[in-house]
Amino acid sequence: MVRGSAGRRAANVVSNVAVALGCVLFLGGFAWAAVLYQPYTVPTDSMSPTVVGGQKVLAERISADEVRRGDVVVFQDATWGTAPEVKRIVGLGGDEVRCCDAEGRLTVNGKPVEEPYLDGGVMTTEQHFSTRVEKGRLFLLGDNRGISIDSADRLTEQAQGSVPVSAVKGRVDATAWPLGGAGMLPRPSGFAELPGGVSSPGPLEPLVWAIMAGALLILAGAAYGPVARKVGGSRG
């Protein structure tokens, strides 16, 4: 009887610890993700095939000094309309952005940029342009360059199509819905050799693993106690 009681107490302890740890990981992961990330719905197909219209994306809240060339960002600027937009940053303040070189590639400060996310890997628009981005502003293009209405279409405006860095609401780290198309966005390696390099992925992936591990610990802990007590009782 003593051994049986000790076994049941040990089973309860293991069960409770597993459930408690699972709750910390599960709820903590969700809470931290809610602080760092905000969901958005992509309004159009201008960023296809990277993200398509109607998809839900998770954008990490970032400060102005964290933006990098190649980032896919959610931004909102009154001159572009009242709704948030999703585009890719191709130029920072002071950059000279041109389209295109002899091979149809975008150039930044004279350096051609490989963009494998484009259809065929090259610019599809017939529009050629050259602009220097003002300090504190960003030049943004859609990945679906044939239909995207972006900075290249606003070159005649006062800021030559650029938006202030402060307009950025977040950097898109992943697609979240529909589930079949969910996943982390690949890093824009074509901009890596330019000064400042490219941004690093946010903590979304480890947060997802923490949430999943927490859920498993809660289920395992909740099941372990009754099973262990039943087995112990049967042996007794």
Protein backbone atom coordinates (compact mmCIF):
# COMPACT_ATOMS: atom_id res chain seq x y z
CA MET A 1 0.00 0.00 0.00
CA VAL A 2 2.82 2.39 0.83
CA ARG A 3 4.53 1.70 -2.45
CA GLY A 4 1.25 2.22 -4.31
CA SER A 5 0.63 5.55 -2.60
CA ALA A 6 4.17 6.70 -3.33
CA GLY A 7 3.77 5.72 -6.97
CA ARG A 8 0.52 7.63 -7.27
CA ARG A 9 2.07 10.70 -5.67
CA ALA A 10 5.02 10.53 -8.07
CA ALA A 11 2.65 10.18 -11.02
CA ASN A 12 0.69 13.22 -9.84
CA VAL A 13 3.87 15.24 -9.50
CA VAL A 14 5.10 14.31 -13.00
CA SER A 15 1.66 15.01 -14.47
CA ASN A 16 1.33 18.38 -12.76
CA VAL A 17 4.85 19.48 -13.71
CA ALA A 18 4.29 18.52 -17.36
CA VAL A 19 0.97 20.38 -17.52
CA ALA A 20 2.41 23.45 -15.77
CA LEU A 21 5.44 23.58 -18.08
CA GLY A 22 3.19 23.04 -21.07
CA CYS A 23 0.98 25.95 -20.03
CA VAL A 24 4.02 28.21 -19.67
CA LEU A 25 5.27 27.33 -23.17
CA PHE A 26 1.84 27.37 -24.81
CA LEU A 27 0.45 30.56 -23.26
CA GLY A 28 3.83 32.29 -23.16
CA GLY A 29 4.46 31.54 -26.83
CA PHE A 30 1.07 32.88 -27.82
CA ALA A 31 1.44 35.99 -25.68
CA TRP A 32 4.93 36.79 -26.97
CA ALA A 33 3.84 36.21 -30.58
CA ALA A 34 0.89 38.58 -30.06
CA VAL A 35 3.31 41.25 -28.83
CA LEU A 36 5.75 40.86 -31.72
CA TYR A 37 3.45 40.04 -34.62
CA GLN A 38 0.31 41.37 -36.21
CA PRO A 39 -1.83 39.56 -38.83
CA TYR A 40 -2.76 41.25 -42.10
CA THR A 41 -4.74 40.21 -45.15
CA VAL A 42 -2.92 40.73 -48.46
CA PRO A 43 -5.22 42.99 -50.53
CA THR A 44 -4.09 42.20 -54.10
CA ASP A 45 -1.96 39.86 -56.24
CA SER A 46 0.75 42.51 -56.69
CA MET A 47 3.17 40.41 -54.59
CA SER A 48 2.43 37.11 -56.32
CA PRO A 49 3.90 34.49 -56.25
CA THR A 50 5.53 35.38 -52.89
CA VAL A 51 2.15 36.12 -51.33
CA VAL A 52 -1.18 36.27 -53.12
CA GLY A 53 -4.34 38.26 -52.64
CA GLY A 54 -6.50 37.03 -49.78
CA GLN A 55 -3.68 35.31 -47.89
CA LYS A 56 -3.18 36.04 -44.20
CA VAL A 57 0.37 37.04 -43.31
CA LEU A 58 2.16 37.62 -40.01
CA ALA A 59 4.18 40.84 -39.88
CA GLU A 60 6.77 41.44 -37.18
CA ARG A 61 6.58 44.89 -35.63
CA ILE A 62 9.91 46.58 -36.31
CA SER A 63 11.47 49.99 -35.78
CA ALA A 64 12.59 52.30 -38.57
CA ASP A 65 16.26 51.36 -38.18
CA GLU A 66 15.50 47.66 -38.74
CA VAL A 67 14.25 47.88 -42.33
CA ARG A 68 16.50 46.36 -44.98
CA ARG A 69 16.48 46.06 -48.74
CA GLY A 70 14.54 43.03 -49.84
CA ASP A 71 12.14 43.08 -46.89
CA VAL A 72 8.48 42.42 -47.70
CA VAL A 73 6.67 44.98 -45.56
CA VAL A 74 3.19 46.10 -44.63
CA PHE A 75 2.95 49.89 -44.83
CA GLN A 76 0.33 52.58 -44.92
CA ASP A 77 0.79 55.96 -46.57
CA ALA A 78 -1.94 58.52 -47.25
CA THR A 79 -0.69 59.20 -50.77
CA TRP A 80 -1.20 55.53 -51.65
CA GLY A 81 -4.66 55.23 -50.10
CA THR A 82 -6.30 54.45 -46.78
CA ALA A 83 -5.65 50.69 -46.59
CA PRO A 84 -2.39 48.91 -45.66
CA GLU A 85 -0.30 47.74 -48.62
CA VAL A 86 2.22 44.90 -49.00
CA LYS A 87 5.33 45.50 -51.15
CA ARG A 88 9.06 44.75 -51.22
CA ILE A 89 11.67 47.35 -50.28
CA VAL A 90 14.22 47.66 -53.08
CA GLY A 91 15.79 50.98 -52.16
CA LEU A 92 16.69 52.87 -48.98
CA GLY A 93 17.37 56.56 -48.51
CA GLY A 94 20.30 57.64 -50.70
CA ASP A 95 20.09 54.64 -53.05
CA GLU A 96 20.01 55.00 -56.82
CA VAL A 97 17.47 52.52 -58.18
CA ARG A 98 17.33 51.75 -61.90
CA CYS A 99 15.39 49.48 -64.23
CA CYS A 100 16.88 47.66 -65.95
CA ASP A 101 20.27 46.36 -67.03
CA ALA A 102 20.84 44.47 -70.28
CA GLU A 103 19.65 41.25 -68.64
CA GLY A 104 16.42 42.76 -67.31
CA ARG A 105 17.64 43.01 -63.74
CA LEU A 106 16.98 45.79 -61.25
CA THR A 107 20.12 47.66 -60.19
CA VAL A 108 20.75 49.38 -56.86
CA ASN A 109 23.70 51.77 -56.74
CA GLY A 110 24.91 50.24 -59.99
CA LYS A 111 24.82 46.65 -58.74
CA PRO A 112 22.43 44.20 -60.43
CA VAL A 113 20.11 42.37 -58.05
CA GLU A 114 19.13 38.75 -58.59
CA GLU A 115 15.42 38.35 -57.79
CA PRO A 116 14.43 34.66 -58.09
CA TYR A 117 10.96 35.40 -56.71
CA LEU A 118 10.06 37.22 -59.94
CA ASP A 119 8.45 35.37 -62.83
CA GLY A 120 11.46 34.27 -64.87
CA GLY A 121 13.79 36.00 -62.41
CA VAL A 122 13.71 39.34 -64.24
CA MET A 123 11.58 42.48 -64.39
CA THR A 124 8.43 41.95 -66.44
CA THR A 125 7.38 45.58 -66.73
CA GLU A 126 8.19 47.53 -69.87
CA GLN A 127 8.69 50.68 -67.82
CA HIS A 128 12.27 51.85 -67.47
CA PHE A 129 13.18 54.28 -64.73
CA SER A 130 15.97 55.76 -62.71
CA THR A 131 15.57 57.52 -59.36
CA ARG A 132 17.49 58.44 -56.25
CA VAL A 133 15.62 57.75 -53.02
CA GLU A 134 15.39 60.63 -50.57
CA LYS A 135 16.84 60.22 -47.08
CA GLY A 136 14.43 58.69 -44.61
CA ARG A 137 12.30 57.19 -47.36
CA LEU A 138 11.85 53.82 -49.11
CA PHE A 139 11.34 52.73 -52.71
CA LEU A 140 8.96 49.75 -52.95
CA LEU A 141 7.99 47.39 -55.76
CA GLY A 142 5.61 44.47 -56.01
CA ASP A 143 6.97 41.06 -57.01
CA ASN A 144 4.29 40.80 -59.69
CA ARG A 145 5.81 43.73 -61.54
CA GLY A 146 3.48 43.43 -64.52
CA ILE A 147 0.39 44.45 -62.53
CA SER A 148 1.77 46.05 -59.37
CA ILE A 149 1.00 49.72 -58.79
CA ASP A 150 4.02 50.78 -56.77
CA SER A 151 6.82 53.31 -56.48
CA ALA A 152 7.75 52.89 -60.14
CA ASP A 153 4.26 54.11 -61.11
CA ARG A 154 4.47 57.16 -58.85
CA LEU A 155 7.75 58.66 -60.02
CA THR A 156 6.03 61.88 -61.12
CA GLU A 157 4.77 62.56 -57.59
CA GLN A 158 6.60 64.95 -55.26
CA ALA A 159 8.53 62.21 -53.42
CA GLN A 160 9.18 60.27 -56.67
CA GLY A 161 7.14 57.29 -55.53
CA SER A 162 8.91 56.76 -52.21
CA VAL A 163 7.25 56.47 -48.80
CA PRO A 164 8.59 57.53 -45.38
CA VAL A 165 10.21 54.83 -43.27
CA SER A 166 7.67 55.66 -40.57
CA ALA A 167 4.89 54.30 -42.84
CA VAL A 168 6.10 50.72 -42.28
CA LYS A 169 3.83 48.76 -39.93
CA GLY A 170 5.73 45.49 -39.96
CA ARG A 171 7.98 43.07 -41.86
CA VAL A 172 6.24 39.98 -43.23
CA ASP A 173 7.86 36.84 -41.83
CA ALA A 174 5.36 34.18 -42.88
CA THR A 175 2.06 33.34 -44.49
CA ALA A 176 -0.44 31.91 -42.01
CA TRP A 177 -3.60 31.16 -44.01
CA PRO A 178 -4.74 29.18 -45.91
CA LEU A 179 -2.88 26.37 -44.15
CA GLY A 180 -1.85 24.67 -47.38
CA GLY A 181 0.16 27.74 -48.37
CA ALA A 182 1.45 28.67 -44.91
CA GLY A 183 5.18 28.95 -44.34
CA MET A 184 8.14 31.19 -43.70
CA LEU A 185 9.14 33.65 -46.43
CA PRO A 186 12.57 32.92 -47.96
CA ARG A 187 15.32 35.45 -47.35
CA PRO A 188 16.00 37.92 -50.23
CA SER A 189 19.61 36.88 -50.81
CA GLY A 190 19.98 39.06 -53.92
CA PHE A 191 20.38 42.14 -51.71
CA ALA A 192 22.87 40.51 -49.32
CA GLU A 193 25.98 42.07 -50.87
CA LEU A 194 24.69 45.63 -50.60
CA PRO A 195 25.68 47.71 -47.52
CA GLY A 196 23.64 46.69 -44.49
CA GLY A 197 22.90 43.24 -45.92
CA VAL A 198 19.50 41.66 -45.44
CA SER A 199 17.38 41.24 -42.33
CA SER A 200 17.38 38.09 -40.22
CA PRO A 201 14.18 36.09 -39.70
CA GLY A 202 12.18 37.07 -36.64
CA PRO A 203 11.51 34.69 -33.74
CA LEU A 204 8.28 33.34 -35.22
CA GLU A 205 9.57 29.83 -35.93
CA PRO A 206 10.89 29.13 -32.39
CA LEU A 207 7.68 30.62 -30.98
CA VAL A 208 5.62 28.18 -33.06
CA TRP A 209 7.76 25.29 -31.82
CA ALA A 210 7.29 26.47 -28.22
CA ILE A 211 3.50 26.61 -28.67
CA MET A 212 3.44 23.12 -30.20
CA ALA A 213 5.70 21.70 -27.49
CA GLY A 214 3.50 23.28 -24.84
CA ALA A 215 0.36 21.73 -26.32
CA LEU A 216 2.00 18.30 -26.40
CA LEU A 217 3.18 18.59 -22.78
CA ILE A 218 -0.31 19.58 -21.63
CA LEU A 219 -1.88 16.61 -23.39
CA ALA A 220 0.83 14.19 -22.26
CA GLY A 221 0.74 15.43 -18.67
CA ALA A 222 -3.03 15.27 -18.50
CA ALA A 223 -3.00 11.70 -19.79
CA TYR A 224 0.01 10.48 -17.80
CA GLY A 225 -1.48 10.91 -14.32
CA PRO A 226 -4.65 8.80 -14.83
CA VAL A 227 -2.77 6.12 -16.79
CA ALA A 228 0.01 5.85 -14.18
CA ARG A 229 -2.50 5.69 -11.33
CA LYS A 230 -4.50 2.99 -13.11
CA VAL A 231 -1.41 0.91 -13.82
CA GLY A 232 -0.21 1.38 -10.24
CA GLY A 233 -3.60 0.42 -8.88
CA SER A 234 -3.72 -2.70 -11.03
CA ARG A 235 -0.28 -3.78 -9.77
CA GLY A 236 -1.35 -3.14 -6.19
